[in-house]
Amino acid sequence: MRGIALVTLLGVSIAPLAQAAPDSTGPALQVLDKAPLVLRGTGFVPTERVKVTVVTAHAQLAGRTQASGVGRFVVRFDTDVDACYGARAATAVGRRGSRVSIVLERPWQRHCVELSGAP
């Protein structure tokens, strides 16, 4: 009987920790949509101002947002995720030290045809 009671007690104690883990491990970025690109940030310092930069094949796009009271935000960019011509990577940097980068597409995994300016 003691063994069963101990297992039950541990199960109750561990469950709340497992639910809190994703936001307590630090900042993270997740792709919510690839066309257009929508990113969700979690684990940032509550109410922290955040600059999100997206690297595309030919430019860098930047957006600014503020994390919510629980350290989350959603930001949308006017580009699609595409290894050849669209978004390839994203970085979010907070004013209070939060920082995370992710690779969205790997151009070396696809064969891209170069588009020329000529019709």
C-alpha atoms as a PDB file:
ATOM      1  CA  MET A   1       0.000   0.000   0.000  1.00  0.00           C
ATOM      2  CA  ARG A   2       2.767   2.458   0.770  1.00  0.00           C
ATOM      3  CA  GLY A   3       4.222   2.030  -2.736  1.00  0.00           C
ATOM      4  CA  ILE A   4       0.899   2.935  -4.349  1.00  0.00           C
ATOM      5  CA  ALA A   5       0.467   6.008  -2.151  1.00  0.00           C
ATOM      6  CA  LEU A   6       3.976   7.232  -2.991  1.00  0.00           C
ATOM      7  CA  VAL A   7       3.390   6.891  -6.756  1.00  0.00           C
ATOM      8  CA  THR A   8       0.134   8.804  -6.500  1.00  0.00           C
ATOM      9  CA  LEU A   9       1.803  11.573  -4.515  1.00  0.00           C
ATOM     10  CA  LEU A  10       4.614  11.893  -7.077  1.00  0.00           C
ATOM     11  CA  GLY A  11       2.106  11.961  -9.943  1.00  0.00           C
ATOM     12  CA  VAL A  12       0.285  14.888  -8.373  1.00  0.00           C
ATOM     13  CA  SER A  13       3.521  16.769  -7.667  1.00  0.00           C
ATOM     14  CA  ILE A  14       5.016  16.344 -11.144  1.00  0.00           C
ATOM     15  CA  ALA A  15       1.941  17.267 -13.218  1.00  0.00           C
ATOM     16  CA  PRO A  16       1.969  21.033 -12.463  1.00  0.00           C
ATOM     17  CA  LEU A  17       5.699  21.239 -13.250  1.00  0.00           C
ATOM     18  CA  ALA A  18       5.235  19.645 -16.664  1.00  0.00           C
ATOM     19  CA  GLN A  19       2.595  22.210 -17.611  1.00  0.00           C
ATOM     20  CA  ALA A  20       4.806  25.165 -16.644  1.00  0.00           C
ATOM     21  CA  ALA A  21       7.969  23.923 -18.376  1.00  0.00           C
ATOM     22  CA  PRO A  22       7.559  25.392 -21.919  1.00  0.00           C
ATOM     23  CA  ASP A  23       7.504  29.051 -20.808  1.00  0.00           C
ATOM     24  CA  SER A  24      10.037  28.624 -17.991  1.00  0.00           C
ATOM     25  CA  THR A  25      12.823  27.278 -20.244  1.00  0.00           C
ATOM     26  CA  GLY A  26      13.466  30.611 -21.954  1.00  0.00           C
ATOM     27  CA  PRO A  27      12.352  32.326 -25.131  1.00  0.00           C
ATOM     28  CA  ALA A  28      11.120  30.348 -28.132  1.00  0.00           C
ATOM     29  CA  LEU A  29       9.696  31.099 -31.583  1.00  0.00           C
ATOM     30  CA  GLN A  30       7.122  28.959 -33.343  1.00  0.00           C
ATOM     31  CA  VAL A  31       5.709  29.239 -36.869  1.00  0.00           C
ATOM     32  CA  LEU A  32       1.910  29.507 -36.746  1.00  0.00           C
ATOM     33  CA  ASP A  33       1.494  30.017 -40.497  1.00  0.00           C
ATOM     34  CA  LYS A  34       3.898  29.955 -43.460  1.00  0.00           C
ATOM     35  CA  ALA A  35       1.870  32.039 -45.947  1.00  0.00           C
ATOM     36  CA  PRO A  36       1.899  34.792 -44.850  1.00  0.00           C
ATOM     37  CA  LEU A  37       4.489  34.212 -42.127  1.00  0.00           C
ATOM     38  CA  VAL A  38       3.043  34.373 -38.611  1.00  0.00           C
ATOM     39  CA  LEU A  39       5.322  33.759 -35.610  1.00  0.00           C
ATOM     40  CA  ARG A  40       4.460  33.207 -31.945  1.00  0.00           C
ATOM     41  CA  GLY A  41       6.983  34.065 -29.260  1.00  0.00           C
ATOM     42  CA  THR A  42       6.836  32.486 -25.793  1.00  0.00           C
ATOM     43  CA  GLY A  43       9.040  32.581 -22.707  1.00  0.00           C
ATOM     44  CA  PHE A  44       9.991  36.253 -23.030  1.00  0.00           C
ATOM     45  CA  VAL A  45      10.194  38.601 -20.059  1.00  0.00           C
ATOM     46  CA  PRO A  46       6.632  39.818 -19.291  1.00  0.00           C
ATOM     47  CA  THR A  47       5.807  43.113 -21.093  1.00  0.00           C
ATOM     48  CA  GLU A  48       9.261  43.128 -22.741  1.00  0.00           C
ATOM     49  CA  ARG A  49       9.555  45.074 -26.002  1.00  0.00           C
ATOM     50  CA  VAL A  50      10.755  42.738 -28.748  1.00  0.00           C
ATOM     51  CA  LYS A  51      12.256  43.315 -32.200  1.00  0.00           C
ATOM     52  CA  VAL A  52      11.640  40.422 -34.602  1.00  0.00           C
ATOM     53  CA  THR A  53      13.792  40.211 -37.730  1.00  0.00           C
ATOM     54  CA  VAL A  54      13.112  37.868 -40.654  1.00  0.00           C
ATOM     55  CA  VAL A  55      15.796  37.144 -43.245  1.00  0.00           C
ATOM     56  CA  THR A  56      14.554  36.490 -46.787  1.00  0.00           C
ATOM     57  CA  ALA A  57      16.468  35.650 -49.933  1.00  0.00           C
ATOM     58  CA  HIS A  58      16.898  39.337 -50.801  1.00  0.00           C
ATOM     59  CA  ALA A  59      16.087  41.439 -47.729  1.00  0.00           C
ATOM     60  CA  GLN A  60      15.616  41.684 -43.987  1.00  0.00           C
ATOM     61  CA  LEU A  61      12.183  42.477 -42.596  1.00  0.00           C
ATOM     62  CA  ALA A  62      11.753  43.838 -39.084  1.00  0.00           C
ATOM     63  CA  GLY A  63       8.798  44.193 -36.783  1.00  0.00           C
ATOM     64  CA  ARG A  64       8.398  45.423 -33.226  1.00  0.00           C
ATOM     65  CA  THR A  65       5.959  44.152 -30.652  1.00  0.00           C
ATOM     66  CA  GLN A  66       5.509  43.840 -26.915  1.00  0.00           C
ATOM     67  CA  ALA A  67       5.228  40.591 -25.010  1.00  0.00           C
ATOM     68  CA  SER A  68       2.100  40.080 -22.948  1.00  0.00           C
ATOM     69  CA  GLY A  69       2.044  39.839 -19.158  1.00  0.00           C
ATOM     70  CA  VAL A  70       2.965  36.161 -19.468  1.00  0.00           C
ATOM     71  CA  GLY A  71       5.776  36.753 -22.017  1.00  0.00           C
ATOM     72  CA  ARG A  72       3.979  35.860 -25.260  1.00  0.00           C
ATOM     73  CA  PHE A  73       3.376  37.632 -28.568  1.00  0.00           C
ATOM     74  CA  VAL A  74       2.251  37.000 -32.148  1.00  0.00           C
ATOM     75  CA  VAL A  75       3.729  38.895 -35.101  1.00  0.00           C
ATOM     76  CA  ARG A  76       2.851  38.741 -38.808  1.00  0.00           C
ATOM     77  CA  PHE A  77       5.110  39.473 -41.804  1.00  0.00           C
ATOM     78  CA  ASP A  78       4.186  40.217 -45.399  1.00  0.00           C
ATOM     79  CA  THR A  79       6.232  37.320 -46.802  1.00  0.00           C
ATOM     80  CA  ASP A  80       5.967  33.554 -47.137  1.00  0.00           C
ATOM     81  CA  VAL A  81       8.320  30.854 -45.881  1.00  0.00           C
ATOM     82  CA  ASP A  82      10.237  29.647 -48.926  1.00  0.00           C
ATOM     83  CA  ALA A  83      13.839  28.496 -49.195  1.00  0.00           C
ATOM     84  CA  CYS A  84      14.364  30.015 -52.632  1.00  0.00           C
ATOM     85  CA  TYR A  85      12.689  33.416 -52.492  1.00  0.00           C
ATOM     86  CA  GLY A  86      10.959  33.943 -49.142  1.00  0.00           C
ATOM     87  CA  ALA A  87      11.668  33.855 -45.426  1.00  0.00           C
ATOM     88  CA  ARG A  88      14.571  31.664 -44.339  1.00  0.00           C
ATOM     89  CA  ALA A  89      15.291  32.567 -40.696  1.00  0.00           C
ATOM     90  CA  ALA A  90      13.903  34.655 -37.842  1.00  0.00           C
ATOM     91  CA  THR A  91      15.395  36.256 -34.729  1.00  0.00           C
ATOM     92  CA  ALA A  92      13.594  37.862 -31.793  1.00  0.00           C
ATOM     93  CA  VAL A  93      15.540  40.103 -29.417  1.00  0.00           C
ATOM     94  CA  GLY A  94      13.982  41.642 -26.323  1.00  0.00           C
ATOM     95  CA  ARG A  95      15.110  44.835 -24.617  1.00  0.00           C
ATOM     96  CA  ARG A  96      15.542  42.942 -21.325  1.00  0.00           C
ATOM     97  CA  GLY A  97      17.856  40.295 -22.728  1.00  0.00           C
ATOM     98  CA  SER A  98      15.576  37.634 -24.202  1.00  0.00           C
ATOM     99  CA  ARG A  99      16.927  36.293 -27.503  1.00  0.00           C
ATOM    100  CA  VAL A 100      16.066  33.403 -29.832  1.00  0.00           C
ATOM    101  CA  SER A 101      16.724  32.481 -33.477  1.00  0.00           C
ATOM    102  CA  ILE A 102      15.178  29.816 -35.677  1.00  0.00           C
ATOM    103  CA  VAL A 103      15.762  28.511 -39.199  1.00  0.00           C
ATOM    104  CA  LEU A 104      12.547  28.519 -41.228  1.00  0.00           C
ATOM    105  CA  GLU A 105      13.830  26.958 -44.468  1.00  0.00           C
ATOM    106  CA  ARG A 106      17.188  25.620 -45.537  1.00  0.00           C
ATOM    107  CA  PRO A 107      18.084  26.830 -49.056  1.00  0.00           C
ATOM    108  CA  TRP A 108      20.794  24.171 -49.417  1.00  0.00           C
ATOM    109  CA  GLN A 109      18.093  21.464 -49.285  1.00  0.00           C
ATOM    110  CA  ARG A 110      16.385  22.689 -52.462  1.00  0.00           C
ATOM    111  CA  HIS A 111      17.476  23.490 -55.979  1.00  0.00           C
ATOM    112  CA  CYS A 112      16.452  27.065 -56.661  1.00  0.00           C
ATOM    113  CA  VAL A 113      16.237  28.632 -60.095  1.00  0.00           C
ATOM    114  CA  GLU A 114      17.674  32.127 -60.159  1.00  0.00           C
ATOM    115  CA  LEU A 115      15.190  34.698 -61.406  1.00  0.00           C
ATOM    116  CA  SER A 116      16.681  37.361 -63.621  1.00  0.00           C
ATOM    117  CA  GLY A 117      15.355  40.862 -64.051  1.00  0.00           C
ATOM    118  CA  ALA A 118      14.907  40.335 -67.800  1.00  0.00           C
ATOM    119  CA  PRO A 119      11.412  39.383 -69.033  1.00  0.00           C
END
